[in-house]
Amino acid sequence: MSKTTTTSNKTPKPMTVAAIEAAARADSDAQPLTAGHLKRMRRTPQAKVIRRALALTQEEFAVRYHIPLGTLRDWEQGRAQPDRPTQAYLKIIACEPERVERLLNQRA
């Protein structure tokens, strides 16, 4: 004898934007950041975002910009964060990728 269960044929109604907002605000662990919190936060360059914008693999990016592959992987996987000088370097790569590559690969 097989056991079957019946389910309702009613499909759930999608939540309205107001209902979604109310549910999110009711979660005490997930409150939105205040303007003060946002002002104090600093944006740091994201190596993965820059690399993907340049359509490079991790290996290509590491070789092109003289970054150890393991270090790049650690940054992208959140195991490590670039220090301040490296953050500046990543900003420069984001703004002028071809120029940085050209300067790094000049013959002495």
N, C-alpha and C. Protein backbone atom coordinates (compact mmCIF):
# COMPACT_ATOMS: atom_id res chain seq x y z
N MET A 1 0.84 -1.17 0.00
CA MET A 1 0.00 0.00 0.00
C MET A 1 0.89 1.24 0.00
N SER A 2 0.65 2.17 -0.94
CA SER A 2 1.48 3.37 -1.00
C SER A 2 0.83 4.49 -0.20
N LYS A 3 1.70 5.27 0.37
CA LYS A 3 1.22 6.38 1.19
C LYS A 3 1.35 7.66 0.37
N THR A 4 0.28 8.38 0.20
CA THR A 4 0.32 9.63 -0.55
C THR A 4 -0.12 10.76 0.35
N THR A 5 0.43 11.90 0.06
CA THR A 5 0.02 13.10 0.80
C THR A 5 -0.61 14.07 -0.18
N THR A 6 -1.51 14.81 0.30
CA THR A 6 -2.14 15.80 -0.55
C THR A 6 -1.65 17.17 -0.15
N THR A 7 -1.47 17.98 -1.13
CA THR A 7 -1.04 19.35 -0.88
C THR A 7 -2.11 20.29 -1.41
N SER A 8 -2.07 21.46 -0.92
CA SER A 8 -3.04 22.46 -1.34
C SER A 8 -2.73 22.91 -2.76
N ASN A 9 -3.76 23.15 -3.51
CA ASN A 9 -3.60 23.66 -4.87
C ASN A 9 -3.45 25.17 -4.90
N LYS A 10 -3.54 25.80 -3.74
CA LYS A 10 -3.42 27.25 -3.68
C LYS A 10 -1.96 27.66 -3.78
N THR A 11 -1.68 28.59 -4.66
CA THR A 11 -0.32 29.11 -4.74
C THR A 11 -0.22 30.31 -3.82
N PRO A 12 0.91 30.45 -3.13
CA PRO A 12 1.04 31.58 -2.22
C PRO A 12 1.09 32.89 -2.99
N LYS A 13 0.52 33.91 -2.38
CA LYS A 13 0.53 35.23 -3.00
C LYS A 13 1.87 35.88 -2.72
N PRO A 14 2.42 36.57 -3.71
CA PRO A 14 3.70 37.24 -3.47
C PRO A 14 3.52 38.38 -2.46
N MET A 15 4.59 38.61 -1.70
CA MET A 15 4.54 39.68 -0.70
C MET A 15 4.62 41.03 -1.39
N THR A 16 3.95 42.00 -0.83
CA THR A 16 4.05 43.35 -1.34
C THR A 16 5.37 43.96 -0.86
N VAL A 17 5.75 45.04 -1.48
CA VAL A 17 6.98 45.74 -1.07
C VAL A 17 6.86 46.18 0.38
N ALA A 18 5.70 46.65 0.77
CA ALA A 18 5.49 47.09 2.15
C ALA A 18 5.61 45.93 3.13
N ALA A 19 5.07 44.77 2.75
CA ALA A 19 5.16 43.59 3.62
C ALA A 19 6.60 43.10 3.74
N ILE A 20 7.34 43.15 2.66
CA ILE A 20 8.76 42.77 2.70
C ILE A 20 9.52 43.71 3.62
N GLU A 21 9.29 45.01 3.48
CA GLU A 21 9.94 46.02 4.33
C GLU A 21 9.59 45.80 5.79
N ALA A 22 8.33 45.55 6.08
CA ALA A 22 7.91 45.33 7.47
C ALA A 22 8.56 44.08 8.05
N ALA A 23 8.62 43.02 7.27
CA ALA A 23 9.25 41.77 7.75
C ALA A 23 10.74 41.98 8.00
N ALA A 24 11.40 42.70 7.13
CA ALA A 24 12.83 42.96 7.30
C ALA A 24 13.10 43.80 8.54
N ARG A 25 12.29 44.81 8.77
CA ARG A 25 12.49 45.69 9.94
C ARG A 25 12.13 44.98 11.25
N ALA A 26 11.31 43.95 11.18
CA ALA A 26 10.93 43.21 12.39
C ALA A 26 12.07 42.31 12.87
N ASP A 27 13.03 42.02 12.01
CA ASP A 27 14.17 41.17 12.38
C ASP A 27 15.20 42.02 13.12
N SER A 28 15.32 41.82 14.42
CA SER A 28 16.22 42.65 15.23
C SER A 28 17.68 42.42 14.90
N ASP A 29 18.02 41.30 14.29
CA ASP A 29 19.41 41.03 13.93
C ASP A 29 19.81 41.59 12.57
N ALA A 30 18.88 42.13 11.83
CA ALA A 30 19.18 42.60 10.48
C ALA A 30 18.63 44.00 10.26
N GLN A 31 18.96 44.91 11.16
CA GLN A 31 18.48 46.27 11.01
C GLN A 31 19.32 47.03 9.99
N PRO A 32 18.71 47.97 9.27
CA PRO A 32 19.46 48.72 8.27
C PRO A 32 20.50 49.62 8.94
N LEU A 33 21.56 49.91 8.20
CA LEU A 33 22.60 50.80 8.71
C LEU A 33 22.07 52.22 8.75
N THR A 34 22.49 52.95 9.76
CA THR A 34 22.11 54.35 9.86
C THR A 34 23.04 55.18 8.99
N ALA A 35 22.67 56.43 8.76
CA ALA A 35 23.52 57.32 7.97
C ALA A 35 24.88 57.48 8.64
N GLY A 36 24.92 57.50 9.96
CA GLY A 36 26.19 57.60 10.69
C GLY A 36 27.09 56.41 10.46
N HIS A 37 26.48 55.21 10.47
CA HIS A 37 27.27 54.00 10.20
C HIS A 37 27.83 54.03 8.78
N LEU A 38 27.01 54.40 7.82
CA LEU A 38 27.45 54.43 6.43
C LEU A 38 28.58 55.44 6.23
N LYS A 39 28.49 56.57 6.92
CA LYS A 39 29.51 57.61 6.77
C LYS A 39 30.87 57.13 7.30
N ARG A 40 30.85 56.34 8.38
CA ARG A 40 32.10 55.86 8.98
C ARG A 40 32.73 54.71 8.20
N MET A 41 31.93 54.04 7.40
CA MET A 41 32.45 52.89 6.66
C MET A 41 33.30 53.37 5.49
N ARG A 42 34.37 52.64 5.24
CA ARG A 42 35.24 52.96 4.11
C ARG A 42 35.11 51.88 3.06
N ARG A 43 35.07 52.32 1.82
CA ARG A 43 35.06 51.34 0.73
C ARG A 43 36.49 50.92 0.46
N THR A 44 36.69 49.64 0.35
CA THR A 44 38.02 49.14 -0.02
C THR A 44 37.90 48.50 -1.39
N PRO A 45 38.94 48.63 -2.18
CA PRO A 45 38.87 48.04 -3.51
C PRO A 45 38.76 46.53 -3.42
N GLN A 46 37.92 45.97 -4.22
CA GLN A 46 37.69 44.53 -4.23
C GLN A 46 38.45 43.94 -5.41
N ALA A 47 39.48 43.17 -5.11
CA ALA A 47 40.31 42.59 -6.16
C ALA A 47 39.48 41.77 -7.14
N LYS A 48 38.54 41.00 -6.63
CA LYS A 48 37.73 40.14 -7.49
C LYS A 48 36.88 40.97 -8.46
N VAL A 49 36.32 42.06 -7.98
CA VAL A 49 35.49 42.92 -8.84
C VAL A 49 36.35 43.53 -9.94
N ILE A 50 37.54 44.01 -9.56
CA ILE A 50 38.44 44.62 -10.53
C ILE A 50 38.87 43.57 -11.56
N ARG A 51 39.26 42.40 -11.07
CA ARG A 51 39.71 41.33 -11.97
C ARG A 51 38.62 40.93 -12.95
N ARG A 52 37.41 40.77 -12.45
CA ARG A 52 36.30 40.38 -13.33
C ARG A 52 35.96 41.48 -14.34
N ALA A 53 36.06 42.74 -13.92
CA ALA A 53 35.79 43.85 -14.84
C ALA A 53 36.81 43.86 -15.98
N LEU A 54 38.01 43.40 -15.68
CA LEU A 54 39.04 43.33 -16.71
C LEU A 54 38.98 42.01 -17.50
N ALA A 55 38.04 41.14 -17.14
CA ALA A 55 37.83 39.84 -17.80
C ALA A 55 39.11 39.00 -17.78
N LEU A 56 39.75 38.94 -16.60
CA LEU A 56 40.97 38.16 -16.43
C LEU A 56 40.74 37.02 -15.46
N THR A 57 41.46 35.93 -15.67
CA THR A 57 41.44 34.85 -14.68
C THR A 57 42.32 35.28 -13.51
N GLN A 58 42.24 34.54 -12.42
CA GLN A 58 43.10 34.85 -11.28
C GLN A 58 44.57 34.78 -11.70
N GLU A 59 44.93 33.77 -12.46
CA GLU A 59 46.31 33.59 -12.89
C GLU A 59 46.77 34.75 -13.76
N GLU A 60 45.92 35.17 -14.71
CA GLU A 60 46.28 36.27 -15.61
C GLU A 60 46.45 37.58 -14.83
N PHE A 61 45.53 37.84 -13.91
CA PHE A 61 45.59 39.07 -13.11
C PHE A 61 46.85 39.07 -12.25
N ALA A 62 47.14 37.94 -11.61
CA ALA A 62 48.31 37.84 -10.74
C ALA A 62 49.60 38.08 -11.52
N VAL A 63 49.72 37.46 -12.69
CA VAL A 63 50.93 37.64 -13.49
C VAL A 63 51.03 39.06 -14.01
N ARG A 64 49.94 39.57 -14.55
CA ARG A 64 49.95 40.90 -15.16
C ARG A 64 50.32 41.99 -14.16
N TYR A 65 49.83 41.88 -12.93
CA TYR A 65 50.05 42.96 -11.95
C TYR A 65 51.01 42.57 -10.83
N HIS A 66 51.77 41.48 -11.04
CA HIS A 66 52.84 41.06 -10.14
C HIS A 66 52.34 40.86 -8.71
N ILE A 67 51.23 40.15 -8.60
CA ILE A 67 50.65 39.82 -7.29
C ILE A 67 50.75 38.31 -7.12
N PRO A 68 51.28 37.83 -6.00
CA PRO A 68 51.33 36.38 -5.81
C PRO A 68 49.92 35.77 -5.90
N LEU A 69 49.82 34.68 -6.66
CA LEU A 69 48.52 34.05 -6.90
C LEU A 69 47.83 33.66 -5.59
N GLY A 70 48.57 33.10 -4.66
CA GLY A 70 47.99 32.70 -3.37
C GLY A 70 47.44 33.88 -2.60
N THR A 71 48.14 35.00 -2.68
CA THR A 71 47.67 36.22 -2.01
C THR A 71 46.37 36.71 -2.62
N LEU A 72 46.33 36.72 -3.95
CA LEU A 72 45.11 37.14 -4.65
C LEU A 72 43.94 36.24 -4.26
N ARG A 73 44.17 34.95 -4.23
CA ARG A 73 43.10 34.01 -3.86
C ARG A 73 42.64 34.25 -2.42
N ASP A 74 43.58 34.52 -1.53
CA ASP A 74 43.22 34.82 -0.14
C ASP A 74 42.34 36.05 -0.06
N TRP A 75 42.67 37.10 -0.82
CA TRP A 75 41.84 38.32 -0.82
C TRP A 75 40.45 38.00 -1.34
N GLU A 76 40.39 37.30 -2.46
CA GLU A 76 39.10 37.04 -3.09
C GLU A 76 38.22 36.12 -2.25
N GLN A 77 38.81 35.24 -1.47
CA GLN A 77 38.02 34.31 -0.67
C GLN A 77 37.83 34.82 0.75
N GLY A 78 38.28 36.04 1.04
CA GLY A 78 38.04 36.66 2.33
C GLY A 78 38.93 36.15 3.46
N ARG A 79 39.98 35.41 3.13
CA ARG A 79 40.88 34.93 4.19
C ARG A 79 41.87 36.01 4.61
N ALA A 80 42.08 37.00 3.77
CA ALA A 80 43.00 38.10 4.09
C ALA A 80 42.48 39.36 3.43
N GLN A 81 42.93 40.50 3.93
CA GLN A 81 42.57 41.80 3.37
C GLN A 81 43.82 42.51 2.89
N PRO A 82 43.76 43.19 1.75
CA PRO A 82 44.92 43.96 1.31
C PRO A 82 45.24 45.07 2.33
N ASP A 83 46.53 45.33 2.54
CA ASP A 83 46.91 46.43 3.43
C ASP A 83 46.69 47.77 2.70
N ARG A 84 46.92 48.87 3.39
CA ARG A 84 46.62 50.20 2.82
C ARG A 84 47.38 50.48 1.52
N PRO A 85 48.70 50.22 1.46
CA PRO A 85 49.38 50.47 0.18
C PRO A 85 48.83 49.60 -0.95
N THR A 86 48.48 48.37 -0.64
CA THR A 86 47.93 47.49 -1.67
C THR A 86 46.54 47.95 -2.09
N GLN A 87 45.76 48.49 -1.17
CA GLN A 87 44.46 49.05 -1.54
C GLN A 87 44.65 50.19 -2.53
N ALA A 88 45.66 51.02 -2.29
CA ALA A 88 45.95 52.12 -3.22
C ALA A 88 46.36 51.56 -4.59
N TYR A 89 47.19 50.53 -4.58
CA TYR A 89 47.62 49.88 -5.82
C TYR A 89 46.41 49.34 -6.59
N LEU A 90 45.49 48.68 -5.89
CA LEU A 90 44.29 48.16 -6.55
C LEU A 90 43.43 49.27 -7.13
N LYS A 91 43.36 50.40 -6.45
CA LYS A 91 42.60 51.55 -6.99
C LYS A 91 43.22 52.03 -8.29
N ILE A 92 44.55 52.07 -8.32
CA ILE A 92 45.25 52.51 -9.54
C ILE A 92 45.00 51.51 -10.67
N ILE A 93 45.07 50.22 -10.36
CA ILE A 93 44.78 49.20 -11.38
C ILE A 93 43.36 49.39 -11.91
N ALA A 94 42.41 49.65 -11.03
CA ALA A 94 41.01 49.82 -11.44
C ALA A 94 40.85 51.00 -12.39
N CYS A 95 41.61 52.08 -12.14
CA CYS A 95 41.48 53.29 -12.96
C CYS A 95 42.30 53.25 -14.24
N GLU A 96 43.49 52.68 -14.18
CA GLU A 96 44.42 52.70 -15.31
C GLU A 96 45.06 51.33 -15.54
N PRO A 97 44.29 50.29 -15.83
CA PRO A 97 44.86 48.95 -15.92
C PRO A 97 45.94 48.80 -17.00
N GLU A 98 45.73 49.37 -18.17
CA GLU A 98 46.72 49.22 -19.24
C GLU A 98 48.01 49.96 -18.90
N ARG A 99 47.87 51.13 -18.32
CA ARG A 99 49.05 51.93 -17.96
C ARG A 99 49.88 51.22 -16.89
N VAL A 100 49.20 50.65 -15.88
CA VAL A 100 49.93 49.93 -14.83
C VAL A 100 50.68 48.75 -15.45
N GLU A 101 50.01 48.00 -16.30
CA GLU A 101 50.67 46.86 -16.94
C GLU A 101 51.87 47.31 -17.74
N ARG A 102 51.71 48.37 -18.50
CA ARG A 102 52.81 48.88 -19.32
C ARG A 102 53.99 49.32 -18.45
N LEU A 103 53.71 50.03 -17.36
CA LEU A 103 54.78 50.49 -16.47
C LEU A 103 55.49 49.31 -15.79
N LEU A 104 54.74 48.31 -15.38
CA LEU A 104 55.35 47.17 -14.71
C LEU A 104 56.22 46.34 -15.64
N ASN A 105 55.90 46.35 -16.92
CA ASN A 105 56.61 45.49 -17.86
C ASN A 105 57.62 46.23 -18.73
N GLN A 106 57.97 47.44 -18.34
CA GLN A 106 59.00 48.18 -19.06
C GLN A 106 60.36 47.51 -18.86
N ARG A 107 61.16 47.58 -19.87
CA ARG A 107 62.55 47.09 -19.75
C ARG A 107 63.38 48.16 -19.07
N ALA A 108 64.24 47.78 -18.17
CA ALA A 108 65.07 48.75 -17.44
C ALA A 108 66.13 49.34 -18.34
